[in-house]
Amino acid sequence: MNSTKRNKLEAKGWKLGDAQDFLALSDEEMAFIEMKLALSRELKARRLHKHLSQAGFARRINSSQSRVAKMEAGDASVSMDLLIRSLLALGASRKELARFIEQSKRRVA
């Protein structure tokens, strides 16, 4: 948003911020969300790179297509454990997982 528009909105009483401000999230909560989203994005990218459908990948990890969709969307009901195990099933190494998490940290900071 350009500064002129921002100034006009603020002058009219609007408060501008980000999702962290709006939801009153702590830095730790925001970092956790960013890590989960980074892992979710990587999961989808790796699945597509391997030309697997959500249903095909779900069969590979003994899950359902709808669960894979939730994992890729960063749904709150999906555990970090499941995301990490799924990435490992797609061939991600521990070093790569650490890199994805580190990249999410840079976005938050």
PDB file of N, CA and C in Angstrom:
ATOM      1  N   MET A   1       0.848  -1.162   0.000  1.00  0.00           N
ATOM      2  CA  MET A   1       0.000   0.000   0.000  1.00  0.00           C
ATOM      3  C   MET A   1       0.901   1.236   0.000  1.00  0.00           C
ATOM      4  N   ASN A   2       0.541   2.210  -0.839  1.00  0.00           N
ATOM      5  CA  ASN A   2       1.388   3.408  -0.884  1.00  0.00           C
ATOM      6  C   ASN A   2       1.143   4.280   0.343  1.00  0.00           C
ATOM      7  N   SER A   3       2.110   5.138   0.642  1.00  0.00           N
ATOM      8  CA  SER A   3       2.072   5.929   1.877  1.00  0.00           C
ATOM      9  C   SER A   3       0.924   6.929   1.893  1.00  0.00           C
ATOM     10  N   THR A   4       0.533   7.473   0.750  1.00  0.00           N
ATOM     11  CA  THR A   4      -0.573   8.430   0.701  1.00  0.00           C
ATOM     12  C   THR A   4      -1.874   7.762   1.127  1.00  0.00           C
ATOM     13  N   LYS A   5      -2.141   6.613   0.565  1.00  0.00           N
ATOM     14  CA  LYS A   5      -3.367   5.885   0.917  1.00  0.00           C
ATOM     15  C   LYS A   5      -3.337   5.479   2.392  1.00  0.00           C
ATOM     16  N   ARG A   6      -2.194   5.018   2.849  1.00  0.00           N
ATOM     17  CA  ARG A   6      -2.045   4.619   4.250  1.00  0.00           C
ATOM     18  C   ARG A   6      -2.329   5.797   5.186  1.00  0.00           C
ATOM     19  N   ASN A   7      -1.751   6.956   4.867  1.00  0.00           N
ATOM     20  CA  ASN A   7      -1.956   8.147   5.692  1.00  0.00           C
ATOM     21  C   ASN A   7      -3.420   8.572   5.718  1.00  0.00           C
ATOM     22  N   LYS A   8      -4.098   8.495   4.576  1.00  0.00           N
ATOM     23  CA  LYS A   8      -5.516   8.853   4.521  1.00  0.00           C
ATOM     24  C   LYS A   8      -6.355   7.921   5.388  1.00  0.00           C
ATOM     25  N   LEU A   9      -6.069   6.621   5.315  1.00  0.00           N
ATOM     26  CA  LEU A   9      -6.821   5.649   6.118  1.00  0.00           C
ATOM     27  C   LEU A   9      -6.568   5.871   7.611  1.00  0.00           C
ATOM     28  N   GLU A  10      -5.322   6.096   7.975  1.00  0.00           N
ATOM     29  CA  GLU A  10      -4.991   6.328   9.379  1.00  0.00           C
ATOM     30  C   GLU A  10      -5.631   7.624   9.890  1.00  0.00           C
ATOM     31  N   ALA A  11      -5.687   8.641   9.040  1.00  0.00           N
ATOM     32  CA  ALA A  11      -6.315   9.908   9.425  1.00  0.00           C
ATOM     33  C   ALA A  11      -7.806   9.740   9.687  1.00  0.00           C
ATOM     34  N   LYS A  12      -8.428   8.770   9.023  1.00  0.00           N
ATOM     35  CA  LYS A  12      -9.858   8.505   9.213  1.00  0.00           C
ATOM     36  C   LYS A  12     -10.116   7.520  10.353  1.00  0.00           C
ATOM     37  N   GLY A  13      -9.058   7.151  11.081  1.00  0.00           N
ATOM     38  CA  GLY A  13      -9.231   6.293  12.249  1.00  0.00           C
ATOM     39  C   GLY A  13      -8.969   4.814  12.021  1.00  0.00           C
ATOM     40  N   TRP A  14      -8.594   4.429  10.819  1.00  0.00           N
ATOM     41  CA  TRP A  14      -8.285   3.026  10.540  1.00  0.00           C
ATOM     42  C   TRP A  14      -6.955   2.673  11.165  1.00  0.00           C
ATOM     43  N   LYS A  15      -6.866   1.479  11.690  1.00  0.00           N
ATOM     44  CA  LYS A  15      -5.600   0.964  12.201  1.00  0.00           C
ATOM     45  C   LYS A  15      -5.109  -0.085  11.229  1.00  0.00           C
ATOM     46  N   LEU A  16      -3.879   0.046  10.817  1.00  0.00           N
ATOM     47  CA  LEU A  16      -3.306  -0.876   9.851  1.00  0.00           C
ATOM     48  C   LEU A  16      -2.278  -1.758  10.543  1.00  0.00           C
ATOM     49  N   GLY A  17      -2.285  -3.015  10.181  1.00  0.00           N
ATOM     50  CA  GLY A  17      -1.335  -3.961  10.755  1.00  0.00           C
ATOM     51  C   GLY A  17      -1.317  -5.224   9.928  1.00  0.00           C
ATOM     52  N   ASP A  18      -0.755  -6.255  10.493  1.00  0.00           N
ATOM     53  CA  ASP A  18      -0.682  -7.541   9.813  1.00  0.00           C
ATOM     54  C   ASP A  18      -1.501  -8.575  10.576  1.00  0.00           C
ATOM     55  N   ALA A  19      -1.437  -9.807  10.116  1.00  0.00           N
ATOM     56  CA  ALA A  19      -2.210 -10.886  10.754  1.00  0.00           C
ATOM     57  C   ALA A  19      -1.801 -11.069  12.212  1.00  0.00           C
ATOM     58  N   GLN A  20      -0.537 -10.897  12.503  1.00  0.00           N
ATOM     59  CA  GLN A  20      -0.062 -11.053  13.878  1.00  0.00           C
ATOM     60  C   GLN A  20      -0.718 -10.013  14.787  1.00  0.00           C
ATOM     61  N   ASP A  21      -0.807  -8.777  14.314  1.00  0.00           N
ATOM     62  CA  ASP A  21      -1.467  -7.725  15.093  1.00  0.00           C
ATOM     63  C   ASP A  21      -2.949  -8.022  15.262  1.00  0.00           C
ATOM     64  N   PHE A  22      -3.602  -8.361  14.159  1.00  0.00           N
ATOM     65  CA  PHE A  22      -5.043  -8.588  14.166  1.00  0.00           C
ATOM     66  C   PHE A  22      -5.439  -9.721  15.098  1.00  0.00           C
ATOM     67  N   LEU A  23      -4.665 -10.793  15.083  1.00  0.00           N
ATOM     68  CA  LEU A  23      -4.982 -11.969  15.905  1.00  0.00           C
ATOM     69  C   LEU A  23      -4.306 -11.938  17.274  1.00  0.00           C
ATOM     70  N   ALA A  24      -3.552 -10.885  17.530  1.00  0.00           N
ATOM     71  CA  ALA A  24      -2.833 -10.731  18.800  1.00  0.00           C
ATOM     72  C   ALA A  24      -1.959 -11.947  19.101  1.00  0.00           C
ATOM     73  N   LEU A  25      -1.175 -12.347  18.101  1.00  0.00           N
ATOM     74  CA  LEU A  25      -0.290 -13.496  18.241  1.00  0.00           C
ATOM     75  C   LEU A  25       1.060 -13.057  18.799  1.00  0.00           C
ATOM     76  N   SER A  26       1.616 -13.906  19.637  1.00  0.00           N
ATOM     77  CA  SER A  26       2.968 -13.649  20.129  1.00  0.00           C
ATOM     78  C   SER A  26       3.962 -13.955  19.003  1.00  0.00           C
ATOM     79  N   ASP A  27       5.193 -13.517  19.183  1.00  0.00           N
ATOM     80  CA  ASP A  27       6.227 -13.815  18.192  1.00  0.00           C
ATOM     81  C   ASP A  27       6.411 -15.320  18.041  1.00  0.00           C
ATOM     82  N   GLU A  28       6.305 -16.048  19.151  1.00  0.00           N
ATOM     83  CA  GLU A  28       6.470 -17.504  19.119  1.00  0.00           C
ATOM     84  C   GLU A  28       5.328 -18.164  18.333  1.00  0.00           C
ATOM     85  N   GLU A  29       4.105 -17.694  18.554  1.00  0.00           N
ATOM     86  CA  GLU A  29       2.965 -18.251  17.818  1.00  0.00           C
ATOM     87  C   GLU A  29       3.092 -17.964  16.328  1.00  0.00           C
ATOM     88  N   MET A  30       3.524 -16.766  15.992  1.00  0.00           N
ATOM     89  CA  MET A  30       3.687 -16.404  14.591  1.00  0.00           C
ATOM     90  C   MET A  30       4.792 -17.230  13.943  1.00  0.00           C
ATOM     91  N   ALA A  31       5.884 -17.453  14.665  1.00  0.00           N
ATOM     92  CA  ALA A  31       6.979 -18.269  14.131  1.00  0.00           C
ATOM     93  C   ALA A  31       6.515 -19.690  13.880  1.00  0.00           C
ATOM     94  N   PHE A  32       5.711 -20.239  14.795  1.00  0.00           N
ATOM     95  CA  PHE A  32       5.187 -21.600  14.633  1.00  0.00           C
ATOM     96  C   PHE A  32       4.303 -21.686  13.394  1.00  0.00           C
ATOM     97  N   ILE A  33       3.437 -20.711  13.212  1.00  0.00           N
ATOM     98  CA  ILE A  33       2.550 -20.695  12.043  1.00  0.00           C
ATOM     99  C   ILE A  33       3.362 -20.604  10.758  1.00  0.00           C
ATOM    100  N   GLU A  34       4.363 -19.742  10.738  1.00  0.00           N
ATOM    101  CA  GLU A  34       5.198 -19.605   9.548  1.00  0.00           C
ATOM    102  C   GLU A  34       5.949 -20.892   9.234  1.00  0.00           C
ATOM    103  N   MET A  35       6.439 -21.587  10.273  1.00  0.00           N
ATOM    104  CA  MET A  35       7.121 -22.871  10.044  1.00  0.00           C
ATOM    105  C   MET A  35       6.156 -23.879   9.422  1.00  0.00           C
ATOM    106  N   LYS A  36       4.953 -23.951   9.978  1.00  0.00           N
ATOM    107  CA  LYS A  36       3.964 -24.897   9.462  1.00  0.00           C
ATOM    108  C   LYS A  36       3.610 -24.594   8.011  1.00  0.00           C
ATOM    109  N   LEU A  37       3.442 -23.322   7.705  1.00  0.00           N
ATOM    110  CA  LEU A  37       3.108 -22.947   6.333  1.00  0.00           C
ATOM    111  C   LEU A  37       4.255 -23.232   5.377  1.00  0.00           C
ATOM    112  N   ALA A  38       5.496 -23.009   5.815  1.00  0.00           N
ATOM    113  CA  ALA A  38       6.649 -23.311   4.963  1.00  0.00           C
ATOM    114  C   ALA A  38       6.716 -24.805   4.670  1.00  0.00           C
ATOM    115  N   LEU A  39       6.483 -25.626   5.679  1.00  0.00           N
ATOM    116  CA  LEU A  39       6.493 -27.079   5.472  1.00  0.00           C
ATOM    117  C   LEU A  39       5.335 -27.503   4.581  1.00  0.00           C
ATOM    118  N   SER A  40       4.181 -26.883   4.727  1.00  0.00           N
ATOM    119  CA  SER A  40       3.018 -27.202   3.895  1.00  0.00           C
ATOM    120  C   SER A  40       3.284 -26.872   2.432  1.00  0.00           C
ATOM    121  N   ARG A  41       3.875 -25.696   2.193  1.00  0.00           N
ATOM    122  CA  ARG A  41       4.200 -25.303   0.812  1.00  0.00           C
ATOM    123  C   ARG A  41       5.204 -26.276   0.193  1.00  0.00           C
ATOM    124  N   GLU A  42       6.197 -26.661   0.975  1.00  0.00           N
ATOM    125  CA  GLU A  42       7.212 -27.588   0.464  1.00  0.00           C
ATOM    126  C   GLU A  42       6.618 -28.955   0.187  1.00  0.00           C
ATOM    127  N   LEU A  43       5.706 -29.400   1.030  1.00  0.00           N
ATOM    128  CA  LEU A  43       5.048 -30.681   0.821  1.00  0.00           C
ATOM    129  C   LEU A  43       4.332 -30.689  -0.531  1.00  0.00           C
ATOM    130  N   LYS A  44       3.570 -29.654  -0.797  1.00  0.00           N
ATOM    131  CA  LYS A  44       2.839 -29.584  -2.067  1.00  0.00           C
ATOM    132  C   LYS A  44       3.807 -29.533  -3.247  1.00  0.00           C
ATOM    133  N   ALA A  45       4.849 -28.725  -3.129  1.00  0.00           N
ATOM    134  CA  ALA A  45       5.818 -28.611  -4.217  1.00  0.00           C
ATOM    135  C   ALA A  45       6.486 -29.955  -4.508  1.00  0.00           C
ATOM    136  N   ARG A  46       6.867 -30.674  -3.480  1.00  0.00           N
ATOM    137  CA  ARG A  46       7.516 -31.982  -3.671  1.00  0.00           C
ATOM    138  C   ARG A  46       6.548 -33.012  -4.255  1.00  0.00           C
ATOM    139  N   ARG A  47       5.308 -32.987  -3.779  1.00  0.00           N
ATOM    140  CA  ARG A  47       4.311 -33.940  -4.305  1.00  0.00           C
ATOM    141  C   ARG A  47       4.098 -33.686  -5.793  1.00  0.00           C
ATOM    142  N   LEU A  48       3.950 -32.418  -6.162  1.00  0.00           N
ATOM    143  CA  LEU A  48       3.747 -32.095  -7.576  1.00  0.00           C
ATOM    144  C   LEU A  48       4.979 -32.430  -8.415  1.00  0.00           C
ATOM    145  N   HIS A  49       6.167 -32.175  -7.862  1.00  0.00           N
ATOM    146  CA  HIS A  49       7.399 -32.500  -8.578  1.00  0.00           C
ATOM    147  C   HIS A  49       7.498 -34.000  -8.876  1.00  0.00           C
ATOM    148  N   LYS A  50       6.968 -34.808  -7.986  1.00  0.00           N
ATOM    149  CA  LYS A  50       6.994 -36.265  -8.178  1.00  0.00           C
ATOM    150  C   LYS A  50       5.783 -36.758  -8.968  1.00  0.00           C
ATOM    151  N   HIS A  51       4.975 -35.827  -9.468  1.00  0.00           N
ATOM    152  CA  HIS A  51       3.792 -36.141 -10.283  1.00  0.00           C
ATOM    153  C   HIS A  51       2.820 -37.061  -9.553  1.00  0.00           C
ATOM    154  N   LEU A  52       2.635 -36.797  -8.258  1.00  0.00           N
ATOM    155  CA  LEU A  52       1.687 -37.577  -7.463  1.00  0.00           C
ATOM    156  C   LEU A  52       0.420 -36.760  -7.238  1.00  0.00           C
ATOM    157  N   SER A  53      -0.716 -37.413  -7.367  1.00  0.00           N
ATOM    158  CA  SER A  53      -1.972 -36.754  -6.996  1.00  0.00           C
ATOM    159  C   SER A  53      -2.070 -36.773  -5.476  1.00  0.00           C
ATOM    160  N   GLN A  54      -2.991 -35.978  -4.945  1.00  0.00           N
ATOM    161  CA  GLN A  54      -3.202 -36.017  -3.500  1.00  0.00           C
ATOM    162  C   GLN A  54      -3.638 -37.415  -3.077  1.00  0.00           C
ATOM    163  N   ALA A  55      -4.510 -38.027  -3.863  1.00  0.00           N
ATOM    164  CA  ALA A  55      -4.993 -39.373  -3.534  1.00  0.00           C
ATOM    165  C   ALA A  55      -3.854 -40.395  -3.592  1.00  0.00           C
ATOM    166  N   GLY A  56      -3.007 -40.281  -4.607  1.00  0.00           N
ATOM    167  CA  GLY A  56      -1.875 -41.196  -4.738  1.00  0.00           C
ATOM    168  C   GLY A  56      -0.892 -41.057  -3.587  1.00  0.00           C
ATOM    169  N   PHE A  57      -0.619 -39.832  -3.207  1.00  0.00           N
ATOM    170  CA  PHE A  57       0.276 -39.614  -2.086  1.00  0.00           C
ATOM    171  C   PHE A  57      -0.357 -40.099  -0.787  1.00  0.00           C
ATOM    172  N   ALA A  58      -1.654 -39.873  -0.641  1.00  0.00           N
ATOM    173  CA  ALA A  58      -2.368 -40.326   0.561  1.00  0.00           C
ATOM    174  C   ALA A  58      -2.236 -41.843   0.720  1.00  0.00           C
ATOM    175  N   ARG A  59      -2.374 -42.579  -0.385  1.00  0.00           N
ATOM    176  CA  ARG A  59      -2.216 -44.033  -0.312  1.00  0.00           C
ATOM    177  C   ARG A  59      -0.807 -44.401   0.144  1.00  0.00           C
ATOM    178  N   ARG A  60       0.175 -43.664  -0.338  1.00  0.00           N
ATOM    179  CA  ARG A  60       1.570 -43.938   0.009  1.00  0.00           C
ATOM    180  C   ARG A  60       1.831 -43.777   1.508  1.00  0.00           C
ATOM    181  N   ILE A  61       1.137 -42.833   2.149  1.00  0.00           N
ATOM    182  CA  ILE A  61       1.376 -42.582   3.580  1.00  0.00           C
ATOM    183  C   ILE A  61       0.234 -43.117   4.451  1.00  0.00           C
ATOM    184  N   ASN A  62      -0.617 -43.954   3.864  1.00  0.00           N
ATOM    185  CA  ASN A  62      -1.755 -44.545   4.589  1.00  0.00           C
ATOM    186  C   ASN A  62      -2.654 -43.488   5.207  1.00  0.00           C
ATOM    187  N   SER A  63      -3.058 -42.531   4.377  1.00  0.00           N
ATOM    188  CA  SER A  63      -3.926 -41.457   4.827  1.00  0.00           C
ATOM    189  C   SER A  63      -5.035 -41.264   3.801  1.00  0.00           C
ATOM    190  N   SER A  64      -5.704 -40.132   3.863  1.00  0.00           N
ATOM    191  CA  SER A  64      -6.784 -39.849   2.908  1.00  0.00           C
ATOM    192  C   SER A  64      -6.432 -38.618   2.080  1.00  0.00           C
ATOM    193  N   GLN A  65      -7.089 -38.491   0.934  1.00  0.00           N
ATOM    194  CA  GLN A  65      -6.868 -37.344   0.066  1.00  0.00           C
ATOM    195  C   GLN A  65      -7.226 -36.050   0.793  1.00  0.00           C
ATOM    196  N   SER A  66      -8.317 -36.073   1.560  1.00  0.00           N
ATOM    197  CA  SER A  66      -8.727 -34.851   2.254  1.00  0.00           C
ATOM    198  C   SER A  66      -7.694 -34.433   3.301  1.00  0.00           C
ATOM    199  N   ARG A  67      -7.034 -35.408   3.913  1.00  0.00           N
ATOM    200  CA  ARG A  67      -5.988 -35.095   4.901  1.00  0.00           C
ATOM    201  C   ARG A  67      -4.786 -34.456   4.208  1.00  0.00           C
ATOM    202  N   VAL A  68      -4.429 -34.973   3.031  1.00  0.00           N
ATOM    203  CA  VAL A  68      -3.322 -34.384   2.270  1.00  0.00           C
ATOM    204  C   VAL A  68      -3.675 -32.947   1.888  1.00  0.00           C
ATOM    205  N   ALA A  69      -4.918 -32.714   1.475  1.00  0.00           N
ATOM    206  CA  ALA A  69      -5.349 -31.354   1.135  1.00  0.00           C
ATOM    207  C   ALA A  69      -5.212 -30.433   2.343  1.00  0.00           C
ATOM    208  N   LYS A  70      -5.596 -30.919   3.513  1.00  0.00           N
ATOM    209  CA  LYS A  70      -5.459 -30.119   4.738  1.00  0.00           C
ATOM    210  C   LYS A  70      -3.989 -29.863   5.058  1.00  0.00           C
ATOM    211  N   MET A  71      -3.148 -30.854   4.843  1.00  0.00           N
ATOM    212  CA  MET A  71      -1.713 -30.675   5.100  1.00  0.00           C
ATOM    213  C   MET A  71      -1.154 -29.586   4.193  1.00  0.00           C
ATOM    214  N   GLU A  72      -1.526 -29.614   2.934  1.00  0.00           N
ATOM    215  CA  GLU A  72      -1.013 -28.642   1.975  1.00  0.00           C
ATOM    216  C   GLU A  72      -1.572 -27.243   2.211  1.00  0.00           C
ATOM    217  N   ALA A  73      -2.730 -27.156   2.837  1.00  0.00           N
ATOM    218  CA  ALA A  73      -3.354 -25.861   3.120  1.00  0.00           C
ATOM    219  C   ALA A  73      -2.891 -25.286   4.455  1.00  0.00           C
ATOM    220  N   GLY A  74      -2.101 -26.035   5.199  1.00  0.00           N
ATOM    221  CA  GLY A  74      -1.631 -25.561   6.496  1.00  0.00           C
ATOM    222  C   GLY A  74      -2.734 -25.537   7.543  1.00  0.00           C
ATOM    223  N   ASP A  75      -3.686 -26.439   7.415  1.00  0.00           N
ATOM    224  CA  ASP A  75      -4.808 -26.502   8.354  1.00  0.00           C
ATOM    225  C   ASP A  75      -4.309 -26.687   9.781  1.00  0.00           C
ATOM    226  N   ALA A  76      -4.969 -26.024  10.711  1.00  0.00           N
ATOM    227  CA  ALA A  76      -4.557 -26.077  12.120  1.00  0.00           C
ATOM    228  C   ALA A  76      -4.657 -27.479  12.708  1.00  0.00           C
ATOM    229  N   SER A  77      -5.503 -28.335  12.136  1.00  0.00           N
ATOM    230  CA  SER A  77      -5.673 -29.682  12.677  1.00  0.00           C
ATOM    231  C   SER A  77      -4.519 -30.616  12.315  1.00  0.00           C
ATOM    232  N   VAL A  78      -3.645 -30.177  11.432  1.00  0.00           N
ATOM    233  CA  VAL A  78      -2.519 -31.001  10.982  1.00  0.00           C
ATOM    234  C   VAL A  78      -1.326 -30.775  11.908  1.00  0.00           C
ATOM    235  N   SER A  79      -0.758 -31.854  12.409  1.00  0.00           N
ATOM    236  CA  SER A  79       0.391 -31.732  13.321  1.00  0.00           C
ATOM    237  C   SER A  79       1.689 -31.529  12.536  1.00  0.00           C
ATOM    238  N   MET A  80       2.648 -30.920  13.204  1.00  0.00           N
ATOM    239  CA  MET A  80       3.981 -30.775  12.608  1.00  0.00           C
ATOM    240  C   MET A  80       4.579 -32.151  12.358  1.00  0.00           C
ATOM    241  N   ASP A  81       4.283 -33.085  13.254  1.00  0.00           N
ATOM    242  CA  ASP A  81       4.774 -34.452  13.121  1.00  0.00           C
ATOM    243  C   ASP A  81       4.344 -35.044  11.779  1.00  0.00           C
ATOM    244  N   LEU A  82       3.084 -34.888  11.446  1.00  0.00           N
ATOM    245  CA  LEU A  82       2.571 -35.436  10.191  1.00  0.00           C
ATOM    246  C   LEU A  82       3.214 -34.748   8.993  1.00  0.00           C
ATOM    247  N   LEU A  83       3.376 -33.443   9.057  1.00  0.00           N
ATOM    248  CA  LEU A  83       4.025 -32.724   7.958  1.00  0.00           C
ATOM    249  C   LEU A  83       5.459 -33.208   7.758  1.00  0.00           C
ATOM    250  N   ILE A  84       6.186 -33.348   8.847  1.00  0.00           N
ATOM    251  CA  ILE A  84       7.587 -33.769   8.743  1.00  0.00           C
ATOM    252  C   ILE A  84       7.685 -35.206   8.246  1.00  0.00           C
ATOM    253  N   ARG A  85       6.862 -36.102   8.790  1.00  0.00           N
ATOM    254  CA  ARG A  85       6.898 -37.496   8.326  1.00  0.00           C
ATOM    255  C   ARG A  85       6.539 -37.588   6.843  1.00  0.00           C
ATOM    256  N   SER A  86       5.592 -36.764   6.406  1.00  0.00           N
ATOM    257  CA  SER A  86       5.183 -36.774   4.998  1.00  0.00           C
ATOM    258  C   SER A  86       6.291 -36.251   4.098  1.00  0.00           C
ATOM    259  N   LEU A  87       6.977 -35.207   4.530  1.00  0.00           N
ATOM    260  CA  LEU A  87       8.103 -34.705   3.743  1.00  0.00           C
ATOM    261  C   LEU A  87       9.223 -35.735   3.654  1.00  0.00           C
ATOM    262  N   LEU A  88       9.470 -36.422   4.748  1.00  0.00           N
ATOM    263  CA  LEU A  88      10.473 -37.489   4.710  1.00  0.00           C
ATOM    264  C   LEU A  88      10.057 -38.592   3.745  1.00  0.00           C
ATOM    265  N   ALA A  89       8.767 -38.901   3.701  1.00  0.00           N
ATOM    266  CA  ALA A  89       8.258 -39.920   2.770  1.00  0.00           C
ATOM    267  C   ALA A  89       8.439 -39.488   1.325  1.00  0.00           C
ATOM    268  N   LEU A  90       8.493 -38.176   1.092  1.00  0.00           N
ATOM    269  CA  LEU A  90       8.722 -37.660  -0.261  1.00  0.00           C
ATOM    270  C   LEU A  90      10.206 -37.466  -0.564  1.00  0.00           C
ATOM    271  N   GLY A  91      11.068 -37.889   0.358  1.00  0.00           N
ATOM    272  CA  GLY A  91      12.502 -37.866   0.103  1.00  0.00           C
ATOM    273  C   GLY A  91      13.258 -36.688   0.676  1.00  0.00           C
ATOM    274  N   ALA A  92      12.611 -35.860   1.468  1.00  0.00           N
ATOM    275  CA  ALA A  92      13.326 -34.730   2.075  1.00  0.00           C
ATOM    276  C   ALA A  92      14.320 -35.243   3.111  1.00  0.00           C
ATOM    277  N   SER A  93      15.473 -34.612   3.161  1.00  0.00           N
ATOM    278  CA  SER A  93      16.479 -34.970   4.159  1.00  0.00           C
ATOM    279  C   SER A  93      16.308 -34.088   5.395  1.00  0.00           C
ATOM    280  N   ARG A  94      16.985 -34.452   6.470  1.00  0.00           N
ATOM    281  CA  ARG A  94      16.947 -33.629   7.685  1.00  0.00           C
ATOM    282  C   ARG A  94      17.516 -32.238   7.420  1.00  0.00           C
ATOM    283  N   LYS A  95      18.571 -32.167   6.620  1.00  0.00           N
ATOM    284  CA  LYS A  95      19.165 -30.869   6.291  1.00  0.00           C
ATOM    285  C   LYS A  95      18.177 -30.005   5.516  1.00  0.00           C
ATOM    286  N   GLU A  96      17.447 -30.618   4.601  1.00  0.00           N
ATOM    287  CA  GLU A  96      16.452 -29.862   3.838  1.00  0.00           C
ATOM    288  C   GLU A  96      15.331 -29.362   4.753  1.00  0.00           C
ATOM    289  N   LEU A  97      14.879 -30.218   5.659  1.00  0.00           N
ATOM    290  CA  LEU A  97      13.840 -29.792   6.606  1.00  0.00           C
ATOM    291  C   LEU A  97      14.325 -28.599   7.430  1.00  0.00           C
ATOM    292  N   ALA A  98      15.559 -28.659   7.875  1.00  0.00           N
ATOM    293  CA  ALA A  98      16.124 -27.549   8.649  1.00  0.00           C
ATOM    294  C   ALA A  98      16.171 -26.279   7.803  1.00  0.00           C
ATOM    295  N   ARG A  99      16.496 -26.421   6.521  1.00  0.00           N
ATOM    296  CA  ARG A  99      16.553 -25.265   5.627  1.00  0.00           C
ATOM    297  C   ARG A  99      15.165 -24.645   5.447  1.00  0.00           C
ATOM    298  N   PHE A 100      14.114 -25.466   5.286  1.00  0.00           N
ATOM    299  CA  PHE A 100      12.751 -24.939   5.131  1.00  0.00           C
ATOM    300  C   PHE A 100      12.347 -24.153   6.372  1.00  0.00           C
ATOM    301  N   ILE A 101      12.690 -24.700   7.529  1.00  0.00           N
ATOM    302  CA  ILE A 101      12.338 -24.033   8.785  1.00  0.00           C
ATOM    303  C   ILE A 101      13.135 -22.737   8.928  1.00  0.00           C
ATOM    304  N   GLU A 102      14.401 -22.774   8.572  1.00  0.00           N
ATOM    305  CA  GLU A 102      15.236 -21.573   8.651  1.00  0.00           C
ATOM    306  C   GLU A 102      14.709 -20.491   7.703  1.00  0.00           C
ATOM    307  N   GLN A 103      14.271 -20.872   6.521  1.00  0.00           N
ATOM    308  CA  GLN A 103      13.735 -19.894   5.575  1.00  0.00           C
ATOM    309  C   GLN A 103      12.464 -19.250   6.113  1.00  0.00           C
ATOM    310  N   SER A 104      11.641 -20.011   6.821  1.00  0.00           N
ATOM    311  CA  SER A 104      10.422 -19.436   7.393  1.00  0.00           C
ATOM    312  C   SER A 104      10.784 -18.438   8.485  1.00  0.00           C
ATOM    313  N   LYS A 105      11.871 -18.683   9.201  1.00  0.00           N
ATOM    314  CA  LYS A 105      12.330 -17.790  10.267  1.00  0.00           C
ATOM    315  C   LYS A 105      12.729 -16.436   9.692  1.00  0.00           C
ATOM    316  N   ARG A 106      13.365 -16.453   8.535  1.00  0.00           N
ATOM    317  CA  ARG A 106      13.804 -15.205   7.911  1.00  0.00           C
ATOM    318  C   ARG A 106      12.618 -14.358   7.485  1.00  0.00           C
ATOM    319  N   ARG A 107      11.516 -14.989   7.093  1.00  0.00           N
ATOM    320  CA  ARG A 107      10.325 -14.235   6.692  1.00  0.00           C
ATOM    321  C   ARG A 107       9.693 -13.523   7.861  1.00  0.00           C
ATOM    322  N   VAL A 108       9.736 -14.142   9.043  1.00  0.00           N
ATOM    323  CA  VAL A 108       9.116 -13.559  10.232  1.00  0.00           C
ATOM    324  C   VAL A 108       9.957 -12.430  10.786  1.00  0.00           C
ATOM    325  N   ALA A 109      11.277 -12.613  10.806  1.00  0.00           N
ATOM    326  CA  ALA A 109      12.182 -11.634  11.440  1.00  0.00           C
ATOM    327  C   ALA A 109      12.204 -10.311  10.709  1.00  0.00           C
TER     328      ALA A 109
END
